């Protein structure tokens, strides 16, 4: 075999050996473990504390209504009904702020365009004092929930349904307003 061919074969074998070992080549390295504690997440929840109740508050009245009476009630312009729902709010977390409101899409029916709805939050029916951790603010009809030091707080959400006395549209007659899926929501606000 000629010296040129022998040299080429030897050179190719050397390159192959170098390339084959490239995957096992390593540098020195080291690591250490430190105690950086741990991070926990907060909570945000809203639950129904007990069954809600209806009251006829038309013209300043305060007449309690049973479920059967509400089902049979026929509102007319000027009628005003109030639904009161005790709730429990759990809110914990640094920087946590959330809007407490109702989901307008949960109210359906042909009367929806004609009635007005209002939401208030209080510690007891008829009071305006808000529970610890809940303050008025945000969009109309919403309340801002801040972290609750005790872990949870009880509140009363009052939802008012009113057919304004100025309503004259004939399409508002013989309609219904379905509140069977009325939903109250807590939605976290972005951290500012």
Protein backbone atom coordinates (compact mmCIF):
# COMPACT_ATOMS: atom_id res chain seq x y z
CA UNK A 1 0.00 0.00 0.00
CA UNK A 2 1.31 3.37 -0.80
CA UNK A 3 2.31 5.84 1.96
CA UNK A 4 -0.30 8.41 0.84
CA UNK A 5 -3.18 5.92 1.14
CA UNK A 6 -1.89 4.58 4.47
CA UNK A 7 -1.66 8.12 5.86
CA UNK A 8 -5.19 8.97 4.72
CA UNK A 9 -6.62 5.80 6.35
CA UNK A 10 -4.80 6.54 9.61
CA UNK A 11 -5.97 10.17 9.58
CA UNK A 12 -9.60 9.13 8.97
CA UNK A 13 -9.44 6.63 11.83
CA UNK A 14 -8.08 9.31 14.17
CA UNK A 15 -10.86 11.75 13.25
CA UNK A 16 -13.48 9.03 13.78
CA UNK A 17 -12.09 8.29 17.26
CA UNK A 18 -12.13 11.97 18.20
CA UNK A 19 -15.72 12.46 16.98
CA UNK A 20 -16.94 9.30 18.71
CA UNK A 21 -15.69 10.51 22.08
CA UNK A 22 -17.16 14.02 21.78
CA UNK A 23 -20.37 13.06 23.64
CA UNK A 24 -18.51 11.97 26.80
CA UNK A 25 -16.30 15.01 27.19
CA UNK A 26 -17.23 16.90 30.44
CA UNK A 27 -16.11 19.98 32.34
CA UNK A 28 -15.92 20.29 36.10
CA UNK A 29 -19.11 21.37 37.80
CA UNK A 30 -20.47 21.73 41.32
CA UNK A 31 -23.78 22.61 43.07
CA UNK A 32 -25.05 23.40 46.53
CA UNK A 33 -28.51 23.31 48.12
CA UNK A 34 -29.78 26.33 50.08
CA UNK A 35 -32.82 26.78 52.35
CA UNK A 36 -34.90 29.48 50.55
CA UNK A 37 -38.09 28.68 52.51
CA UNK A 38 -41.29 28.16 50.43
CA UNK A 39 -43.97 30.24 48.77
CA UNK A 40 -47.71 29.57 49.27
CA UNK A 41 -50.69 30.82 47.29
CA UNK A 42 -53.69 32.62 48.72
CA UNK A 43 -57.38 31.80 48.37
CA UNK A 44 -60.47 33.39 46.85
CA UNK A 45 -63.87 31.75 47.17
CA UNK A 46 -67.53 32.64 47.48
CA UNK A 47 -70.14 30.24 48.85
CA UNK A 48 -73.83 30.38 49.71
CA UNK A 49 -74.13 30.45 53.52
CA UNK A 50 -77.86 29.62 53.63
CA UNK A 51 -80.98 29.87 51.49
CA UNK A 52 -81.92 33.27 50.12
CA UNK A 53 -85.25 35.04 50.64
CA UNK A 54 -87.55 37.39 48.69
CA UNK A 55 -89.22 40.59 49.92
CA UNK A 56 -91.70 42.89 48.18
CA UNK A 57 -90.25 46.38 48.73
CA UNK A 58 -92.58 48.28 46.36
CA UNK A 59 -93.31 51.81 47.64
CA UNK A 60 -91.38 51.21 50.87
CA UNK A 61 -93.24 48.01 51.80
CA UNK A 62 -91.35 45.16 53.40
CA UNK A 63 -93.46 42.06 52.82
CA UNK A 64 -91.72 38.68 52.93
CA UNK A 65 -92.59 36.37 50.05
CA UNK A 66 -92.46 32.58 49.91
CA UNK A 67 -91.08 30.79 46.83
CA UNK A 68 -94.64 30.02 45.75
CA UNK A 69 -95.65 33.67 46.12
CA UNK A 70 -92.65 34.80 44.06
CA UNK A 71 -93.53 32.29 41.32
CA UNK A 72 -97.10 33.65 41.21
CA UNK A 73 -96.12 37.35 41.54
CA UNK A 74 -96.89 39.51 38.48
CA UNK A 75 -94.81 42.68 38.41
CA UNK A 76 -96.17 45.86 36.87
CA UNK A 77 -94.47 49.22 36.29
CA UNK A 78 -93.40 50.45 39.72
CA UNK A 79 -93.00 46.96 41.27
CA UNK A 80 -89.79 46.32 43.19
CA UNK A 81 -88.69 42.95 44.58
CA UNK A 82 -85.59 42.26 46.65
CA UNK A 83 -83.68 38.97 46.87
CA UNK A 84 -81.41 38.61 49.90
CA UNK A 85 -78.64 35.98 49.90
CA UNK A 86 -76.26 35.29 52.82
CA UNK A 87 -72.77 34.42 51.52
CA UNK A 88 -69.36 33.51 52.88
CA UNK A 89 -66.27 35.16 51.39
CA UNK A 90 -62.82 33.64 51.81
CA UNK A 91 -60.01 35.91 50.64
CA UNK A 92 -56.37 35.65 51.62
CA UNK A 93 -53.25 36.83 49.87
CA UNK A 94 -50.87 39.77 49.74
CA UNK A 95 -51.90 42.22 47.00
CA UNK A 96 -55.28 40.46 46.58
CA UNK A 97 -58.22 42.60 45.49
CA UNK A 98 -61.36 41.20 43.83
CA UNK A 99 -64.63 42.61 42.52
CA UNK A 100 -67.80 41.14 44.04
CA UNK A 101 -70.72 41.56 41.64
CA UNK A 102 -73.38 39.54 39.85
CA UNK A 103 -73.08 37.92 36.44
CA UNK A 104 -75.54 39.78 34.19
CA UNK A 105 -75.58 36.84 31.73
CA UNK A 106 -77.07 34.64 34.48
CA UNK A 107 -80.28 36.71 34.35
CA UNK A 108 -82.36 35.79 31.30
CA UNK A 109 -85.90 36.14 29.94
CA UNK A 110 -88.01 38.50 27.87
CA UNK A 111 -88.25 41.06 30.74
CA UNK A 112 -84.47 41.49 31.00
CA UNK A 113 -84.34 44.61 28.75
CA UNK A 114 -87.07 46.32 30.80
CA UNK A 115 -86.12 45.70 34.43
CA UNK A 116 -83.36 47.36 36.40
CA UNK A 117 -81.16 45.43 38.78
CA UNK A 118 -79.10 46.70 41.69
CA UNK A 119 -76.65 44.88 43.95
CA UNK A 120 -75.72 45.87 47.49
CA UNK A 121 -73.62 44.10 50.12
CA UNK A 122 -74.11 44.41 53.87
CA UNK A 123 -73.60 42.56 57.13
CA UNK A 124 -77.31 42.34 57.85
CA UNK A 125 -80.51 43.04 55.95
CA UNK A 126 -81.25 46.75 55.92
CA UNK A 127 -77.80 47.95 57.06
CA UNK A 128 -75.21 49.75 54.99
CA UNK A 129 -72.18 48.65 57.01
CA UNK A 130 -69.97 46.38 54.94
CA UNK A 131 -68.25 43.39 56.49
CA UNK A 132 -64.53 43.36 57.17
CA UNK A 133 -62.62 42.98 53.93
CA UNK A 134 -65.40 44.30 51.67
CA UNK A 135 -65.62 47.92 50.57
CA UNK A 136 -67.80 49.80 48.11
CA UNK A 137 -66.05 50.70 44.90
CA UNK A 138 -65.22 49.55 41.42
CA UNK A 139 -67.91 49.56 38.76
CA UNK A 140 -71.47 50.51 39.80
CA UNK A 141 -73.02 47.61 41.67
CA UNK A 142 -69.69 46.01 42.53
CA UNK A 143 -67.76 45.80 45.78
CA UNK A 144 -64.03 45.39 46.32
CA UNK A 145 -62.96 42.43 48.42
CA UNK A 146 -59.61 42.69 50.18
CA UNK A 147 -57.84 39.97 52.17
CA UNK A 148 -59.91 38.94 55.18
CA UNK A 149 -57.75 38.62 58.31
CA UNK A 150 -60.00 35.99 59.90
CA UNK A 151 -59.82 33.83 56.75
CA UNK A 152 -63.49 34.26 55.88
CA UNK A 153 -66.34 36.67 56.50
CA UNK A 154 -70.11 36.50 56.26
CA UNK A 155 -71.99 39.03 54.19
CA UNK A 156 -75.45 39.54 52.78
CA UNK A 157 -75.86 40.22 49.08
CA UNK A 158 -79.08 42.02 48.16
CA UNK A 159 -80.26 41.87 44.55
CA UNK A 160 -83.12 44.18 43.56
CA UNK A 161 -85.41 43.64 40.56
CA UNK A 162 -87.52 46.64 39.56
CA UNK A 163 -89.83 47.33 36.62
CA UNK A 164 -89.58 51.14 36.47
CA UNK A 165 -92.83 53.07 36.77
CA UNK A 166 -91.88 54.89 33.55
CA UNK A 167 -92.01 51.63 31.53
CA UNK A 168 -94.68 51.89 28.82
CA UNK A 169 -93.45 49.43 26.17
CA UNK A 170 -96.19 46.90 25.42
CA UNK A 171 -93.49 44.25 24.89
CA UNK A 172 -92.83 44.30 28.64
CA UNK A 173 -96.26 42.80 29.28
CA UNK A 174 -96.68 39.06 29.83
CA UNK A 175 -92.92 38.47 30.04
CA UNK A 176 -90.69 36.60 32.46
CA UNK A 177 -87.37 37.19 34.18
CA UNK A 178 -85.50 33.96 34.90
CA UNK A 179 -83.31 34.22 38.00
CA UNK A 180 -82.99 30.46 38.56
CA UNK A 181 -79.28 30.64 37.71
CA UNK A 182 -78.49 34.00 39.34
CA UNK A 183 -74.75 33.99 39.92
CA UNK A 184 -72.66 36.18 42.19
CA UNK A 185 -68.97 36.37 41.28
CA UNK A 186 -65.62 37.28 42.77
CA UNK A 187 -63.10 38.27 40.10
CA UNK A 188 -59.52 39.12 41.01
CA UNK A 189 -58.33 42.57 39.96
CA UNK A 190 -54.94 42.87 38.22
CA UNK A 191 -52.15 43.92 40.58
CA UNK A 192 -51.46 47.59 39.99
